[in-house]
Amino acid sequence: MTEEEIEIATRKHDARSKAFMAAGLSQQAAWELADKLFNRDADPQDDRRLCFECRKYDTKSETCPKMVDYKGRPQVPLRFVLQRCDWFDLRGKK
């Protein structure tokens, strides 16, 4: 990695850690999750995502319209667990 790439990765890691802490994770848990995302981003084969990163995830109700059980009842997403989702839509993309 170049110095510029390292700087960008460091800023992204810090921003993610702060967002995770603002959402309720401890400093240690937020740091570890940001590390996992750094590793995920570095691996082009890793297509896992967090509900927390998805625009469909409703932060107020902590629900996702796509996560329902077999009777159509909403299920609580695992917002900080890396997982694959066919309906993922990156929050903040244009």
N, C-alpha and C. Protein backbone atom coordinates (compact mmCIF):
# COMPACT_ATOMS: atom_id res chain seq x y z
N MET A 1 0.84 -1.19 0.00
CA MET A 1 0.00 0.00 0.00
C MET A 1 0.88 1.25 0.00
N THR A 2 0.42 2.23 -0.71
CA THR A 2 1.13 3.51 -0.71
C THR A 2 0.77 4.28 0.56
N GLU A 3 1.51 5.33 0.82
CA GLU A 3 1.20 6.16 2.00
C GLU A 3 -0.20 6.74 1.89
N GLU A 4 -0.58 7.15 0.71
CA GLU A 4 -1.91 7.72 0.50
C GLU A 4 -3.00 6.68 0.78
N GLU A 5 -2.81 5.46 0.31
CA GLU A 5 -3.79 4.38 0.55
C GLU A 5 -3.88 4.06 2.03
N ILE A 6 -2.75 4.08 2.73
CA ILE A 6 -2.75 3.83 4.17
C ILE A 6 -3.50 4.93 4.90
N GLU A 7 -3.30 6.17 4.48
CA GLU A 7 -3.98 7.30 5.10
C GLU A 7 -5.50 7.21 4.89
N ILE A 8 -5.90 6.87 3.68
CA ILE A 8 -7.33 6.71 3.37
C ILE A 8 -7.93 5.57 4.20
N ALA A 9 -7.23 4.45 4.28
CA ALA A 9 -7.72 3.30 5.06
C ALA A 9 -7.82 3.66 6.54
N THR A 10 -6.87 4.42 7.05
CA THR A 10 -6.89 4.83 8.45
C THR A 10 -8.08 5.75 8.73
N ARG A 11 -8.32 6.69 7.84
CA ARG A 11 -9.47 7.59 8.02
C ARG A 11 -10.78 6.82 7.97
N LYS A 12 -10.87 5.87 7.04
CA LYS A 12 -12.09 5.07 6.93
C LYS A 12 -12.29 4.22 8.19
N HIS A 13 -11.21 3.64 8.69
CA HIS A 13 -11.27 2.83 9.91
C HIS A 13 -11.75 3.69 11.08
N ASP A 14 -11.20 4.87 11.23
CA ASP A 14 -11.59 5.76 12.32
C ASP A 14 -13.06 6.18 12.20
N ALA A 15 -13.48 6.51 10.99
CA ALA A 15 -14.87 6.92 10.78
C ALA A 15 -15.83 5.78 11.09
N ARG A 16 -15.47 4.58 10.68
CA ARG A 16 -16.32 3.43 10.97
C ARG A 16 -16.38 3.18 12.47
N SER A 17 -15.25 3.22 13.13
CA SER A 17 -15.22 3.00 14.58
C SER A 17 -16.12 3.99 15.29
N LYS A 18 -16.04 5.25 14.90
CA LYS A 18 -16.87 6.28 15.53
C LYS A 18 -18.36 6.03 15.27
N ALA A 19 -18.70 5.65 14.05
CA ALA A 19 -20.10 5.36 13.72
C ALA A 19 -20.61 4.17 14.53
N PHE A 20 -19.78 3.15 14.68
CA PHE A 20 -20.20 1.98 15.45
C PHE A 20 -20.37 2.32 16.93
N MET A 21 -19.48 3.15 17.47
CA MET A 21 -19.62 3.57 18.86
C MET A 21 -20.88 4.42 19.04
N ALA A 22 -21.15 5.30 18.09
CA ALA A 22 -22.36 6.13 18.17
C ALA A 22 -23.62 5.27 18.11
N ALA A 23 -23.52 4.11 17.48
CA ALA A 23 -24.65 3.18 17.37
C ALA A 23 -24.73 2.22 18.56
N GLY A 24 -23.81 2.36 19.52
CA GLY A 24 -23.95 1.57 20.74
C GLY A 24 -22.87 0.55 21.03
N LEU A 25 -21.91 0.36 20.14
CA LEU A 25 -20.85 -0.60 20.43
C LEU A 25 -19.80 0.02 21.35
N SER A 26 -19.16 -0.81 22.12
CA SER A 26 -18.05 -0.34 22.96
C SER A 26 -16.89 0.05 22.05
N GLN A 27 -15.94 0.79 22.61
CA GLN A 27 -14.78 1.21 21.81
C GLN A 27 -14.03 0.00 21.27
N GLN A 28 -13.83 -1.01 22.11
CA GLN A 28 -13.11 -2.21 21.70
C GLN A 28 -13.86 -2.96 20.59
N ALA A 29 -15.16 -3.15 20.76
CA ALA A 29 -15.97 -3.86 19.76
C ALA A 29 -16.01 -3.08 18.45
N ALA A 30 -16.12 -1.76 18.54
CA ALA A 30 -16.15 -0.92 17.35
C ALA A 30 -14.83 -1.02 16.59
N TRP A 31 -13.73 -1.00 17.32
CA TRP A 31 -12.41 -1.09 16.70
C TRP A 31 -12.23 -2.45 16.00
N GLU A 32 -12.64 -3.51 16.67
CA GLU A 32 -12.51 -4.86 16.10
C GLU A 32 -13.38 -5.03 14.85
N LEU A 33 -14.59 -4.46 14.89
CA LEU A 33 -15.46 -4.56 13.72
C LEU A 33 -14.89 -3.76 12.56
N ALA A 34 -14.34 -2.59 12.83
CA ALA A 34 -13.69 -1.80 11.78
C ALA A 34 -12.52 -2.57 11.17
N ASP A 35 -11.79 -3.31 12.01
CA ASP A 35 -10.69 -4.15 11.51
C ASP A 35 -11.23 -5.24 10.58
N LYS A 36 -12.35 -5.87 10.95
CA LYS A 36 -12.94 -6.90 10.11
C LYS A 36 -13.35 -6.33 8.75
N LEU A 37 -13.90 -5.11 8.77
CA LEU A 37 -14.30 -4.49 7.52
C LEU A 37 -13.10 -4.10 6.67
N PHE A 38 -12.02 -3.72 7.31
CA PHE A 38 -10.78 -3.43 6.58
C PHE A 38 -10.33 -4.68 5.83
N ASN A 39 -10.32 -5.81 6.53
CA ASN A 39 -9.93 -7.09 5.90
C ASN A 39 -10.91 -7.50 4.81
N ARG A 40 -12.19 -7.28 5.05
CA ARG A 40 -13.20 -7.61 4.04
C ARG A 40 -12.98 -6.77 2.79
N ASP A 41 -12.74 -5.49 2.98
CA ASP A 41 -12.54 -4.59 1.83
C ASP A 41 -11.29 -4.96 1.03
N ALA A 42 -10.30 -5.51 1.70
CA ALA A 42 -9.05 -5.88 1.03
C ALA A 42 -9.17 -7.17 0.22
N ASP A 43 -10.23 -7.93 0.48
CA ASP A 43 -10.42 -9.22 -0.20
C ASP A 43 -11.54 -9.09 -1.24
N PRO A 44 -11.20 -9.07 -2.52
CA PRO A 44 -12.23 -8.90 -3.56
C PRO A 44 -13.22 -10.06 -3.62
N GLN A 45 -12.90 -11.18 -3.03
CA GLN A 45 -13.81 -12.34 -3.02
C GLN A 45 -14.84 -12.26 -1.89
N ASP A 46 -14.61 -11.38 -0.93
CA ASP A 46 -15.49 -11.29 0.24
C ASP A 46 -16.65 -10.34 -0.05
N ASP A 47 -17.85 -10.89 -0.21
CA ASP A 47 -19.02 -10.08 -0.53
C ASP A 47 -19.96 -9.92 0.67
N ARG A 48 -19.45 -10.15 1.85
CA ARG A 48 -20.29 -10.01 3.04
C ARG A 48 -20.50 -8.53 3.36
N ARG A 49 -21.62 -8.24 3.98
CA ARG A 49 -21.99 -6.88 4.34
C ARG A 49 -22.59 -6.86 5.74
N LEU A 50 -22.75 -5.64 6.25
CA LEU A 50 -23.44 -5.42 7.52
C LEU A 50 -24.79 -4.79 7.23
N CYS A 51 -25.82 -5.17 7.97
CA CYS A 51 -27.11 -4.49 7.84
C CYS A 51 -26.91 -3.00 8.11
N PHE A 52 -26.01 -2.68 9.02
CA PHE A 52 -25.71 -1.30 9.39
C PHE A 52 -25.28 -0.47 8.17
N GLU A 53 -24.72 -1.10 7.14
CA GLU A 53 -24.24 -0.39 5.95
C GLU A 53 -25.33 -0.23 4.88
N CYS A 54 -26.49 -0.83 5.08
CA CYS A 54 -27.52 -0.90 4.06
C CYS A 54 -28.56 0.21 4.22
N ARG A 55 -28.96 0.80 3.10
CA ARG A 55 -29.96 1.87 3.16
C ARG A 55 -31.35 1.33 3.50
N LYS A 56 -31.59 0.05 3.34
CA LYS A 56 -32.89 -0.53 3.69
C LYS A 56 -33.06 -0.70 5.20
N TYR A 57 -31.95 -0.76 5.90
CA TYR A 57 -31.98 -0.94 7.35
C TYR A 57 -32.51 0.33 8.01
N ASP A 58 -33.58 0.21 8.79
CA ASP A 58 -34.17 1.35 9.50
C ASP A 58 -33.54 1.44 10.88
N THR A 59 -32.72 2.47 11.09
CA THR A 59 -31.98 2.59 12.34
C THR A 59 -32.89 2.88 13.53
N LYS A 60 -34.04 3.49 13.30
CA LYS A 60 -34.95 3.79 14.42
C LYS A 60 -35.65 2.53 14.94
N SER A 61 -36.19 1.75 14.02
CA SER A 61 -36.90 0.54 14.44
C SER A 61 -35.98 -0.67 14.46
N GLU A 62 -34.76 -0.50 13.94
CA GLU A 62 -33.78 -1.59 13.83
C GLU A 62 -34.36 -2.79 13.09
N THR A 63 -35.03 -2.49 11.98
CA THR A 63 -35.63 -3.55 11.17
C THR A 63 -35.24 -3.37 9.71
N CYS A 64 -35.47 -4.42 8.96
CA CYS A 64 -35.23 -4.43 7.53
C CYS A 64 -36.48 -5.00 6.87
N PRO A 65 -37.03 -4.33 5.86
CA PRO A 65 -38.24 -4.85 5.21
C PRO A 65 -38.03 -6.19 4.52
N LYS A 66 -36.78 -6.56 4.27
CA LYS A 66 -36.48 -7.82 3.60
C LYS A 66 -36.29 -8.98 4.57
N MET A 67 -36.12 -8.68 5.85
CA MET A 67 -35.88 -9.73 6.84
C MET A 67 -37.19 -10.08 7.55
N VAL A 68 -37.87 -11.05 7.01
CA VAL A 68 -39.12 -11.52 7.60
C VAL A 68 -39.09 -13.03 7.73
N ASP A 69 -39.88 -13.55 8.66
CA ASP A 69 -39.94 -15.00 8.81
C ASP A 69 -40.93 -15.57 7.79
N TYR A 70 -41.18 -16.86 7.86
CA TYR A 70 -42.03 -17.51 6.87
C TYR A 70 -43.48 -17.03 6.92
N LYS A 71 -43.88 -16.35 8.02
CA LYS A 71 -45.24 -15.81 8.12
C LYS A 71 -45.27 -14.32 7.78
N GLY A 72 -44.13 -13.76 7.36
CA GLY A 72 -44.09 -12.37 6.98
C GLY A 72 -43.85 -11.40 8.13
N ARG A 73 -43.53 -11.94 9.31
CA ARG A 73 -43.27 -11.08 10.46
C ARG A 73 -41.83 -10.59 10.42
N PRO A 74 -41.63 -9.29 10.76
CA PRO A 74 -40.27 -8.76 10.73
C PRO A 74 -39.35 -9.46 11.71
N GLN A 75 -38.12 -9.66 11.29
CA GLN A 75 -37.09 -10.24 12.14
C GLN A 75 -36.05 -9.17 12.42
N VAL A 76 -35.45 -9.21 13.58
CA VAL A 76 -34.43 -8.23 13.92
C VAL A 76 -33.14 -8.60 13.19
N PRO A 77 -32.63 -7.70 12.35
CA PRO A 77 -31.39 -7.99 11.63
C PRO A 77 -30.20 -8.02 12.58
N LEU A 78 -29.21 -8.74 12.19
CA LEU A 78 -27.96 -8.78 12.95
C LEU A 78 -27.09 -7.66 12.41
N ARG A 79 -27.36 -6.44 12.84
CA ARG A 79 -26.81 -5.26 12.19
C ARG A 79 -25.29 -5.16 12.19
N PHE A 80 -24.61 -5.83 13.10
CA PHE A 80 -23.15 -5.75 13.14
C PHE A 80 -22.48 -7.10 12.85
N VAL A 81 -23.20 -7.98 12.15
CA VAL A 81 -22.66 -9.28 11.79
C VAL A 81 -22.45 -9.33 10.28
N LEU A 82 -21.23 -9.64 9.86
CA LEU A 82 -20.96 -9.78 8.43
C LEU A 82 -21.77 -10.95 7.87
N GLN A 83 -22.51 -10.68 6.81
CA GLN A 83 -23.36 -11.70 6.20
C GLN A 83 -23.61 -11.36 4.74
N ARG A 84 -24.13 -12.31 4.01
CA ARG A 84 -24.47 -12.08 2.62
C ARG A 84 -25.96 -11.77 2.52
N CYS A 85 -26.30 -10.82 1.64
CA CYS A 85 -27.70 -10.45 1.49
C CYS A 85 -27.95 -10.08 0.03
N ASP A 86 -28.91 -10.75 -0.58
CA ASP A 86 -29.24 -10.47 -1.98
C ASP A 86 -29.88 -9.10 -2.17
N TRP A 87 -30.41 -8.52 -1.10
CA TRP A 87 -31.11 -7.23 -1.19
C TRP A 87 -30.25 -6.06 -0.71
N PHE A 88 -29.00 -6.29 -0.44
CA PHE A 88 -28.13 -5.24 0.10
C PHE A 88 -28.07 -4.04 -0.87
N ASP A 89 -28.18 -2.85 -0.30
CA ASP A 89 -28.09 -1.60 -1.07
C ASP A 89 -27.28 -0.62 -0.23
N LEU A 90 -26.06 -0.36 -0.64
CA LEU A 90 -25.13 0.44 0.14
C LEU A 90 -25.69 1.81 0.49
N ARG A 91 -25.71 2.09 1.79
CA ARG A 91 -26.15 3.39 2.29
C ARG A 91 -25.15 4.45 1.83
N GLY A 92 -25.65 5.59 1.36
CA GLY A 92 -24.79 6.69 0.99
C GLY A 92 -24.25 6.65 -0.43
N LYS A 93 -24.52 5.59 -1.17
CA LYS A 93 -24.02 5.56 -2.56
C LYS A 93 -24.91 6.45 -3.43
N LYS A 94 -24.37 6.89 -4.51
CA LYS A 94 -25.14 7.77 -5.41
C LYS A 94 -25.54 7.06 -6.66
